[in-house]
PDB file of all heavy atoms in Angstrom:
ATOM      1  N   VAL A   1      22.961  -3.497 -27.718  1.00  0.00           N
ATOM      2  CA  VAL A   1      22.466  -4.277 -26.579  1.00  0.00           C
ATOM      3  C   VAL A   1      22.668  -3.449 -25.285  1.00  0.00           C
ATOM      4  O   VAL A   1      21.780  -3.406 -24.460  1.00  0.00           O
ATOM      5  CB  VAL A   1      23.229  -5.652 -26.457  1.00  0.00           C
ATOM      6  CG1 VAL A   1      22.938  -6.304 -25.117  1.00  0.00           C
ATOM      7  CG2 VAL A   1      22.909  -6.571 -27.595  1.00  0.00           C
ATOM      8  N   VAL A   2      23.795  -2.770 -25.147  1.00  0.00           N
ATOM      9  CA  VAL A   2      24.092  -2.001 -23.981  1.00  0.00           C
ATOM     10  C   VAL A   2      23.033  -0.928 -23.723  1.00  0.00           C
ATOM     11  O   VAL A   2      22.692  -0.655 -22.574  1.00  0.00           O
ATOM     12  CB  VAL A   2      25.524  -1.397 -24.022  1.00  0.00           C
ATOM     13  CG1 VAL A   2      25.777  -0.429 -22.884  1.00  0.00           C
ATOM     14  CG2 VAL A   2      26.571  -2.530 -24.000  1.00  0.00           C
ATOM     15  N   VAL A   3      22.578  -0.260 -24.822  1.00  0.00           N
ATOM     16  CA  VAL A   3      21.594   0.800 -24.671  1.00  0.00           C
ATOM     17  C   VAL A   3      20.176   0.316 -24.822  1.00  0.00           C
ATOM     18  O   VAL A   3      19.265   1.156 -24.844  1.00  0.00           O
ATOM     19  CB  VAL A   3      21.904   1.967 -25.609  1.00  0.00           C
ATOM     20  CG1 VAL A   3      23.245   2.619 -25.309  1.00  0.00           C
ATOM     21  CG2 VAL A   3      21.751   1.535 -27.090  1.00  0.00           C
ATOM     22  N   GLY A   4      19.962  -0.994 -24.873  1.00  0.00           N
ATOM     23  CA  GLY A   4      18.613  -1.559 -24.961  1.00  0.00           C
ATOM     24  C   GLY A   4      17.938  -1.554 -26.258  1.00  0.00           C
ATOM     25  O   GLY A   4      16.761  -1.751 -26.394  1.00  0.00           O
ATOM     26  N   GLU A   5      18.723  -1.379 -27.401  1.00  0.00           N
ATOM     27  CA  GLU A   5      18.159  -1.429 -28.698  1.00  0.00           C
ATOM     28  C   GLU A   5      18.287  -2.848 -29.239  1.00  0.00           C
ATOM     29  O   GLU A   5      19.115  -3.161 -30.100  1.00  0.00           O
ATOM     30  CB  GLU A   5      18.895  -0.439 -29.613  1.00  0.00           C
ATOM     31  CG  GLU A   5      18.622   0.981 -29.302  1.00  0.00           C
ATOM     32  CD  GLU A   5      17.246   1.437 -29.703  1.00  0.00           C
ATOM     33  OE1 GLU A   5      16.587   0.797 -30.525  1.00  0.00           O
ATOM     34  OE2 GLU A   5      16.822   2.523 -29.190  1.00  0.00           O
ATOM     35  N   LEU A   6      17.475  -3.756 -28.721  1.00  0.00           N
ATOM     36  CA  LEU A   6      17.617  -5.176 -29.061  1.00  0.00           C
ATOM     37  C   LEU A   6      17.276  -5.484 -30.510  1.00  0.00           C
ATOM     38  O   LEU A   6      17.890  -6.346 -31.121  1.00  0.00           O
ATOM     39  CB  LEU A   6      16.786  -6.004 -28.102  1.00  0.00           C
ATOM     40  CG  LEU A   6      17.176  -5.816 -26.642  1.00  0.00           C
ATOM     41  CD1 LEU A   6      16.360  -6.722 -25.759  1.00  0.00           C
ATOM     42  CD2 LEU A   6      18.649  -6.019 -26.399  1.00  0.00           C
ATOM     43  N   GLY A   7      16.287  -4.772 -31.062  1.00  0.00           N
ATOM     44  CA  GLY A   7      15.978  -5.005 -32.494  1.00  0.00           C
ATOM     45  C   GLY A   7      17.127  -4.614 -33.391  1.00  0.00           C
ATOM     46  O   GLY A   7      17.480  -5.300 -34.337  1.00  0.00           O
ATOM     47  N   ALA A   8      17.782  -3.498 -33.077  1.00  0.00           N
ATOM     48  CA  ALA A   8      18.942  -3.060 -33.849  1.00  0.00           C
ATOM     49  C   ALA A   8      20.098  -4.031 -33.641  1.00  0.00           C
ATOM     50  O   ALA A   8      20.835  -4.278 -34.583  1.00  0.00           O
ATOM     51  CB  ALA A   8      19.328  -1.636 -33.429  1.00  0.00           C
ATOM     52  N   ALA A   9      20.240  -4.556 -32.441  1.00  0.00           N
ATOM     53  CA  ALA A   9      21.304  -5.528 -32.208  1.00  0.00           C
ATOM     54  C   ALA A   9      21.114  -6.786 -33.011  1.00  0.00           C
ATOM     55  O   ALA A   9      22.033  -7.277 -33.661  1.00  0.00           O
ATOM     56  CB  ALA A   9      21.349  -5.899 -30.729  1.00  0.00           C
ATOM     57  N   ARG A  10      19.842  -7.216 -33.117  1.00  0.00           N
ATOM     58  CA  ARG A  10      19.594  -8.421 -33.928  1.00  0.00           C
ATOM     59  C   ARG A  10      19.841  -8.145 -35.419  1.00  0.00           C
ATOM     60  O   ARG A  10      20.388  -8.964 -36.157  1.00  0.00           O
ATOM     61  CB  ARG A  10      18.122  -8.876 -33.724  1.00  0.00           C
ATOM     62  CG  ARG A  10      17.933  -9.687 -32.481  1.00  0.00           C
ATOM     63  CD  ARG A  10      16.560 -10.312 -32.387  1.00  0.00           C
ATOM     64  NE  ARG A  10      15.515  -9.316 -32.300  1.00  0.00           N
ATOM     65  CZ  ARG A  10      15.066  -8.713 -31.221  1.00  0.00           C
ATOM     66  NH1 ARG A  10      15.619  -9.027 -30.057  1.00  0.00           N
ATOM     67  NH2 ARG A  10      14.094  -7.849 -31.255  1.00  0.00           N
ATOM     68  N   SER A  11      19.426  -6.963 -35.848  1.00  0.00           N
ATOM     69  CA  SER A  11      19.618  -6.608 -37.249  1.00  0.00           C
ATOM     70  C   SER A  11      21.136  -6.504 -37.606  1.00  0.00           C
ATOM     71  O   SER A  11      21.580  -6.961 -38.607  1.00  0.00           O
ATOM     72  CB  SER A  11      18.927  -5.248 -37.510  1.00  0.00           C
ATOM     73  OG  SER A  11      19.162  -4.902 -38.855  1.00  0.00           O
ATOM     74  N   ALA A  12      21.870  -5.891 -36.693  1.00  0.00           N
ATOM     75  CA  ALA A  12      23.319  -5.799 -36.905  1.00  0.00           C
ATOM     76  C   ALA A  12      23.972  -7.170 -36.915  1.00  0.00           C
ATOM     77  O   ALA A  12      24.926  -7.396 -37.708  1.00  0.00           O
ATOM     78  CB  ALA A  12      23.951  -4.908 -35.794  1.00  0.00           C
ATOM     79  N   ARG A  13      23.492  -8.086 -36.096  1.00  0.00           N
ATOM     80  CA  ARG A  13      24.088  -9.465 -36.123  1.00  0.00           C
ATOM     81  C   ARG A  13      23.736 -10.152 -37.437  1.00  0.00           C
ATOM     82  O   ARG A  13      24.547 -10.868 -38.035  1.00  0.00           O
ATOM     83  CB  ARG A  13      23.523 -10.293 -34.933  1.00  0.00           C
ATOM     84  CG  ARG A  13      24.035  -9.868 -33.600  1.00  0.00           C
ATOM     85  CD  ARG A  13      25.467 -10.316 -33.397  1.00  0.00           C
ATOM     86  NE  ARG A  13      25.862  -9.961 -32.044  1.00  0.00           N
ATOM     87  CZ  ARG A  13      26.973  -9.288 -31.738  1.00  0.00           C
ATOM     88  NH1 ARG A  13      27.798  -8.964 -32.687  1.00  0.00           N
ATOM     89  NH2 ARG A  13      27.224  -8.976 -30.533  1.00  0.00           N
ATOM     90  N   SER A  14      22.515  -9.926 -37.976  1.00  0.00           N
ATOM     91  CA  SER A  14      22.157 -10.472 -39.275  1.00  0.00           C
ATOM     92  C   SER A  14      23.017  -9.920 -40.375  1.00  0.00           C
ATOM     93  O   SER A  14      23.406 -10.599 -41.290  1.00  0.00           O
ATOM     94  CB  SER A  14      20.674 -10.209 -39.543  1.00  0.00           C
ATOM     95  OG  SER A  14      19.870 -10.939 -38.664  1.00  0.00           O
ATOM     96  N   LEU A  15      23.299  -8.597 -40.239  1.00  0.00           N
ATOM     97  CA  LEU A  15      24.159  -7.937 -41.246  1.00  0.00           C
ATOM     98  C   LEU A  15      25.556  -8.505 -41.177  1.00  0.00           C
ATOM     99  O   LEU A  15      26.164  -8.772 -42.191  1.00  0.00           O
ATOM    100  CB  LEU A  15      24.170  -6.442 -40.971  1.00  0.00           C
ATOM    101  CG  LEU A  15      25.195  -5.621 -41.802  1.00  0.00           C
ATOM    102  CD1 LEU A  15      24.970  -5.810 -43.273  1.00  0.00           C
ATOM    103  CD2 LEU A  15      25.134  -4.173 -41.399  1.00  0.00           C
ATOM    104  N   GLU A  16      26.044  -8.733 -39.957  1.00  0.00           N
ATOM    105  CA  GLU A  16      27.351  -9.332 -39.767  1.00  0.00           C
ATOM    106  C   GLU A  16      27.453 -10.680 -40.438  1.00  0.00           C
ATOM    107  O   GLU A  16      28.403 -11.012 -41.133  1.00  0.00           O
ATOM    108  CB  GLU A  16      27.649  -9.446 -38.264  1.00  0.00           C
ATOM    109  CG  GLU A  16      29.035  -9.720 -37.928  1.00  0.00           C
ATOM    110  CD  GLU A  16      29.261  -9.758 -36.413  1.00  0.00           C
ATOM    111  OE1 GLU A  16      28.341  -9.555 -35.596  1.00  0.00           O
ATOM    112  OE2 GLU A  16      30.405  -9.991 -36.007  1.00  0.00           O
ATOM    113  N   ALA A  17      26.406 -11.476 -40.293  1.00  0.00           N
ATOM    114  CA  ALA A  17      26.392 -12.797 -40.925  1.00  0.00           C
ATOM    115  C   ALA A  17      26.357 -12.683 -42.480  1.00  0.00           C
ATOM    116  O   ALA A  17      27.101 -13.435 -43.157  1.00  0.00           O
ATOM    117  CB  ALA A  17      25.203 -13.605 -40.417  1.00  0.00           C
ATOM    118  N   ALA A  18      25.571 -11.755 -42.978  1.00  0.00           N
ATOM    119  CA  ALA A  18      25.493 -11.551 -44.420  1.00  0.00           C
ATOM    120  C   ALA A  18      26.831 -11.116 -44.957  1.00  0.00           C
ATOM    121  O   ALA A  18      27.311 -11.526 -46.012  1.00  0.00           O
ATOM    122  CB  ALA A  18      24.401 -10.543 -44.771  1.00  0.00           C
ATOM    123  N   LEU A  19      27.509 -10.170 -44.232  1.00  0.00           N
ATOM    124  CA  LEU A  19      28.837  -9.721 -44.659  1.00  0.00           C
ATOM    125  C   LEU A  19      29.868 -10.854 -44.598  1.00  0.00           C
ATOM    126  O   LEU A  19      30.737 -10.915 -45.480  1.00  0.00           O
ATOM    127  CB  LEU A  19      29.292  -8.547 -43.782  1.00  0.00           C
ATOM    128  CG  LEU A  19      28.582  -7.214 -43.992  1.00  0.00           C
ATOM    129  CD1 LEU A  19      28.827  -6.286 -42.822  1.00  0.00           C
ATOM    130  CD2 LEU A  19      29.014  -6.611 -45.298  1.00  0.00           C
ATOM    131  N   ASP A  20      29.744 -11.707 -43.605  1.00  0.00           N
ATOM    132  CA  ASP A  20      30.699 -12.793 -43.511  1.00  0.00           C
ATOM    133  C   ASP A  20      30.512 -13.754 -44.706  1.00  0.00           C
ATOM    134  O   ASP A  20      31.530 -14.245 -45.228  1.00  0.00           O
ATOM    135  CB  ASP A  20      30.517 -13.509 -42.181  1.00  0.00           C
ATOM    136  CG  ASP A  20      31.663 -14.488 -41.907  1.00  0.00           C
ATOM    137  OD1 ASP A  20      32.850 -14.071 -42.081  1.00  0.00           O
ATOM    138  OD2 ASP A  20      31.381 -15.656 -41.553  1.00  0.00           O
ATOM    139  N   ARG A  21      29.293 -13.965 -45.099  1.00  0.00           N
ATOM    140  CA  ARG A  21      29.071 -14.822 -46.297  1.00  0.00           C
ATOM    141  C   ARG A  21      29.701 -14.169 -47.502  1.00  0.00           C
ATOM    142  O   ARG A  21      30.284 -14.874 -48.369  1.00  0.00           O
ATOM    143  CB  ARG A  21      27.563 -15.064 -46.492  1.00  0.00           C
ATOM    144  CG  ARG A  21      26.965 -16.024 -45.499  1.00  0.00           C
ATOM    145  CD  ARG A  21      25.527 -16.429 -45.882  1.00  0.00           C
ATOM    146  NE  ARG A  21      24.594 -15.301 -45.878  1.00  0.00           N
ATOM    147  CZ  ARG A  21      23.963 -14.814 -44.813  1.00  0.00           C
ATOM    148  NH1 ARG A  21      24.168 -15.393 -43.610  1.00  0.00           N
ATOM    149  NH2 ARG A  21      23.160 -13.804 -44.890  1.00  0.00           N
ATOM    150  N   CYS A  22      29.603 -12.879 -47.669  1.00  0.00           N
ATOM    151  CA  CYS A  22      30.229 -12.154 -48.781  1.00  0.00           C
ATOM    152  C   CYS A  22      31.773 -12.326 -48.713  1.00  0.00           C
ATOM    153  O   CYS A  22      32.391 -12.405 -49.740  1.00  0.00           O
ATOM    154  CB  CYS A  22      29.847 -10.652 -48.785  1.00  0.00           C
ATOM    155  SG  CYS A  22      28.106 -10.387 -49.238  1.00  0.00           S
ATOM    156  N   ARG A  23      32.284 -12.250 -47.509  1.00  0.00           N
ATOM    157  CA  ARG A  23      33.783 -12.355 -47.341  1.00  0.00           C
ATOM    158  C   ARG A  23      34.218 -13.741 -47.834  1.00  0.00           C
ATOM    159  O   ARG A  23      35.296 -13.868 -48.359  1.00  0.00           O
ATOM    160  CB  ARG A  23      34.116 -12.177 -45.887  1.00  0.00           C
ATOM    161  CG  ARG A  23      35.605 -12.114 -45.655  1.00  0.00           C
ATOM    162  CD  ARG A  23      35.990 -11.814 -44.248  1.00  0.00           C
ATOM    163  NE  ARG A  23      35.427 -12.808 -43.383  1.00  0.00           N
ATOM    164  CZ  ARG A  23      35.695 -12.845 -42.080  1.00  0.00           C
ATOM    165  NH1 ARG A  23      36.506 -11.975 -41.530  1.00  0.00           N
ATOM    166  NH2 ARG A  23      35.159 -13.745 -41.278  1.00  0.00           N
ATOM    167  N   GLN A  24      33.356 -14.747 -47.737  1.00  0.00           N
ATOM    168  CA  GLN A  24      33.731 -16.048 -48.182  1.00  0.00           C
ATOM    169  C   GLN A  24      33.701 -16.206 -49.714  1.00  0.00           C
ATOM    170  O   GLN A  24      34.251 -17.172 -50.221  1.00  0.00           O
ATOM    171  CB  GLN A  24      32.818 -17.123 -47.524  1.00  0.00           C
ATOM    172  CG  GLN A  24      33.000 -17.174 -46.019  1.00  0.00           C
ATOM    173  CD  GLN A  24      31.962 -18.041 -45.350  1.00  0.00           C
ATOM    174  OE1 GLN A  24      31.320 -18.880 -45.977  1.00  0.00           O
ATOM    175  NE2 GLN A  24      31.792 -17.864 -44.025  1.00  0.00           N
ATOM    176  N   SER A  25      33.035 -15.262 -50.370  1.00  0.00           N
ATOM    177  CA  SER A  25      32.963 -15.223 -51.853  1.00  0.00           C
ATOM    178  C   SER A  25      33.398 -13.874 -52.321  1.00  0.00           C
ATOM    179  O   SER A  25      32.603 -13.072 -52.825  1.00  0.00           O
ATOM    180  CB  SER A  25      31.541 -15.536 -52.355  1.00  0.00           C
ATOM    181  OG  SER A  25      31.114 -16.797 -51.983  1.00  0.00           O
ATOM    182  N   PRO A  26      34.683 -13.546 -52.174  1.00  0.00           N
ATOM    183  CA  PRO A  26      35.103 -12.151 -52.392  1.00  0.00           C
ATOM    184  C   PRO A  26      35.045 -11.625 -53.811  1.00  0.00           C
ATOM    185  O   PRO A  26      35.078 -10.412 -54.056  1.00  0.00           O
ATOM    186  CB  PRO A  26      36.604 -12.177 -51.936  1.00  0.00           C
ATOM    187  CG  PRO A  26      37.002 -13.576 -52.014  1.00  0.00           C
ATOM    188  CD  PRO A  26      35.772 -14.392 -51.793  1.00  0.00           C
ATOM    189  N   SER A  27      34.867 -12.501 -54.808  1.00  0.00           N
ATOM    190  CA  SER A  27      34.811 -12.033 -56.192  1.00  0.00           C
ATOM    191  C   SER A  27      33.404 -11.631 -56.618  1.00  0.00           C
ATOM    192  O   SER A  27      33.200 -11.159 -57.681  1.00  0.00           O
ATOM    193  CB  SER A  27      35.403 -13.122 -57.119  1.00  0.00           C
ATOM    194  OG  SER A  27      34.587 -14.269 -57.043  1.00  0.00           O
ATOM    195  N   GLU A  28      32.436 -11.901 -55.727  1.00  0.00           N
ATOM    196  CA  GLU A  28      31.077 -11.575 -56.059  1.00  0.00           C
ATOM    197  C   GLU A  28      30.708 -10.197 -55.539  1.00  0.00           C
ATOM    198  O   GLU A  28      31.187  -9.748 -54.523  1.00  0.00           O
ATOM    199  CB  GLU A  28      30.170 -12.598 -55.437  1.00  0.00           C
ATOM    200  CG  GLU A  28      30.394 -14.058 -55.873  1.00  0.00           C
ATOM    201  CD  GLU A  28      30.016 -14.226 -57.314  1.00  0.00           C
ATOM    202  OE1 GLU A  28      29.031 -13.661 -57.788  1.00  0.00           O
ATOM    203  OE2 GLU A  28      30.769 -14.950 -58.032  1.00  0.00           O
ATOM    204  N   PRO A  29      29.758  -9.497 -56.236  1.00  0.00           N
ATOM    205  CA  PRO A  29      29.235  -8.254 -55.666  1.00  0.00           C
ATOM    206  C   PRO A  29      28.495  -8.548 -54.354  1.00  0.00           C
ATOM    207  O   PRO A  29      28.158  -9.706 -54.012  1.00  0.00           O
ATOM    208  CB  PRO A  29      28.256  -7.758 -56.767  1.00  0.00           C
ATOM    209  CG  PRO A  29      28.567  -8.570 -57.988  1.00  0.00           C
ATOM    210  CD  PRO A  29      29.192  -9.863 -57.525  1.00  0.00           C
ATOM    211  N   LEU A  30      28.226  -7.508 -53.636  1.00  0.00           N
ATOM    212  CA  LEU A  30      27.480  -7.694 -52.377  1.00  0.00           C
ATOM    213  C   LEU A  30      26.147  -8.377 -52.614  1.00  0.00           C
ATOM    214  O   LEU A  30      25.425  -8.066 -53.579  1.00  0.00           O
ATOM    215  CB  LEU A  30      27.233  -6.355 -51.679  1.00  0.00           C
ATOM    216  CG  LEU A  30      28.422  -5.750 -50.976  1.00  0.00           C
ATOM    217  CD1 LEU A  30      28.067  -4.399 -50.436  1.00  0.00           C
ATOM    218  CD2 LEU A  30      28.937  -6.613 -49.859  1.00  0.00           C
ATOM    219  N   ALA A  31      25.818  -9.261 -51.739  1.00  0.00           N
ATOM    220  CA  ALA A  31      24.546  -9.949 -51.829  1.00  0.00           C
ATOM    221  C   ALA A  31      23.400  -8.950 -51.481  1.00  0.00           C
ATOM    222  O   ALA A  31      23.562  -8.029 -50.734  1.00  0.00           O
ATOM    223  CB  ALA A  31      24.480 -11.128 -50.866  1.00  0.00           C
ATOM    224  N   ALA A  32      22.242  -9.229 -52.046  1.00  0.00           N
ATOM    225  CA  ALA A  32      21.032  -8.383 -51.722  1.00  0.00           C
ATOM    226  C   ALA A  32      20.720  -8.415 -50.253  1.00  0.00           C
ATOM    227  O   ALA A  32      20.218  -7.390 -49.728  1.00  0.00           O
ATOM    228  CB  ALA A  32      19.839  -8.854 -52.543  1.00  0.00           C
ATOM    229  N   SER A  33      21.081  -9.482 -49.571  1.00  0.00           N
ATOM    230  CA  SER A  33      20.835  -9.567 -48.150  1.00  0.00           C
ATOM    231  C   SER A  33      21.586  -8.510 -47.359  1.00  0.00           C
ATOM    232  O   SER A  33      21.092  -8.026 -46.350  1.00  0.00           O
ATOM    233  CB  SER A  33      21.163 -10.952 -47.593  1.00  0.00           C
ATOM    234  OG  SER A  33      22.543 -11.239 -47.836  1.00  0.00           O
ATOM    235  N   VAL A  34      22.787  -8.076 -47.842  1.00  0.00           N
ATOM    236  CA  VAL A  34      23.531  -7.053 -47.189  1.00  0.00           C
ATOM    237  C   VAL A  34      22.804  -5.743 -47.290  1.00  0.00           C
ATOM    238  O   VAL A  34      22.593  -5.011 -46.294  1.00  0.00           O
ATOM    239  CB  VAL A  34      24.942  -6.930 -47.782  1.00  0.00           C
ATOM    240  CG1 VAL A  34      25.687  -5.678 -47.224  1.00  0.00           C
ATOM    241  CG2 VAL A  34      25.786  -8.178 -47.450  1.00  0.00           C
TER     242      VAL A  34
END
């Protein structure tokens, strides 16, 4: 966001959400969304 890469910022936030979902199911392999 600071350097104006808003698309990358949105993508990183989506990745963060996908990783958080994986953290809630730690015994599962990474989701395809990650």
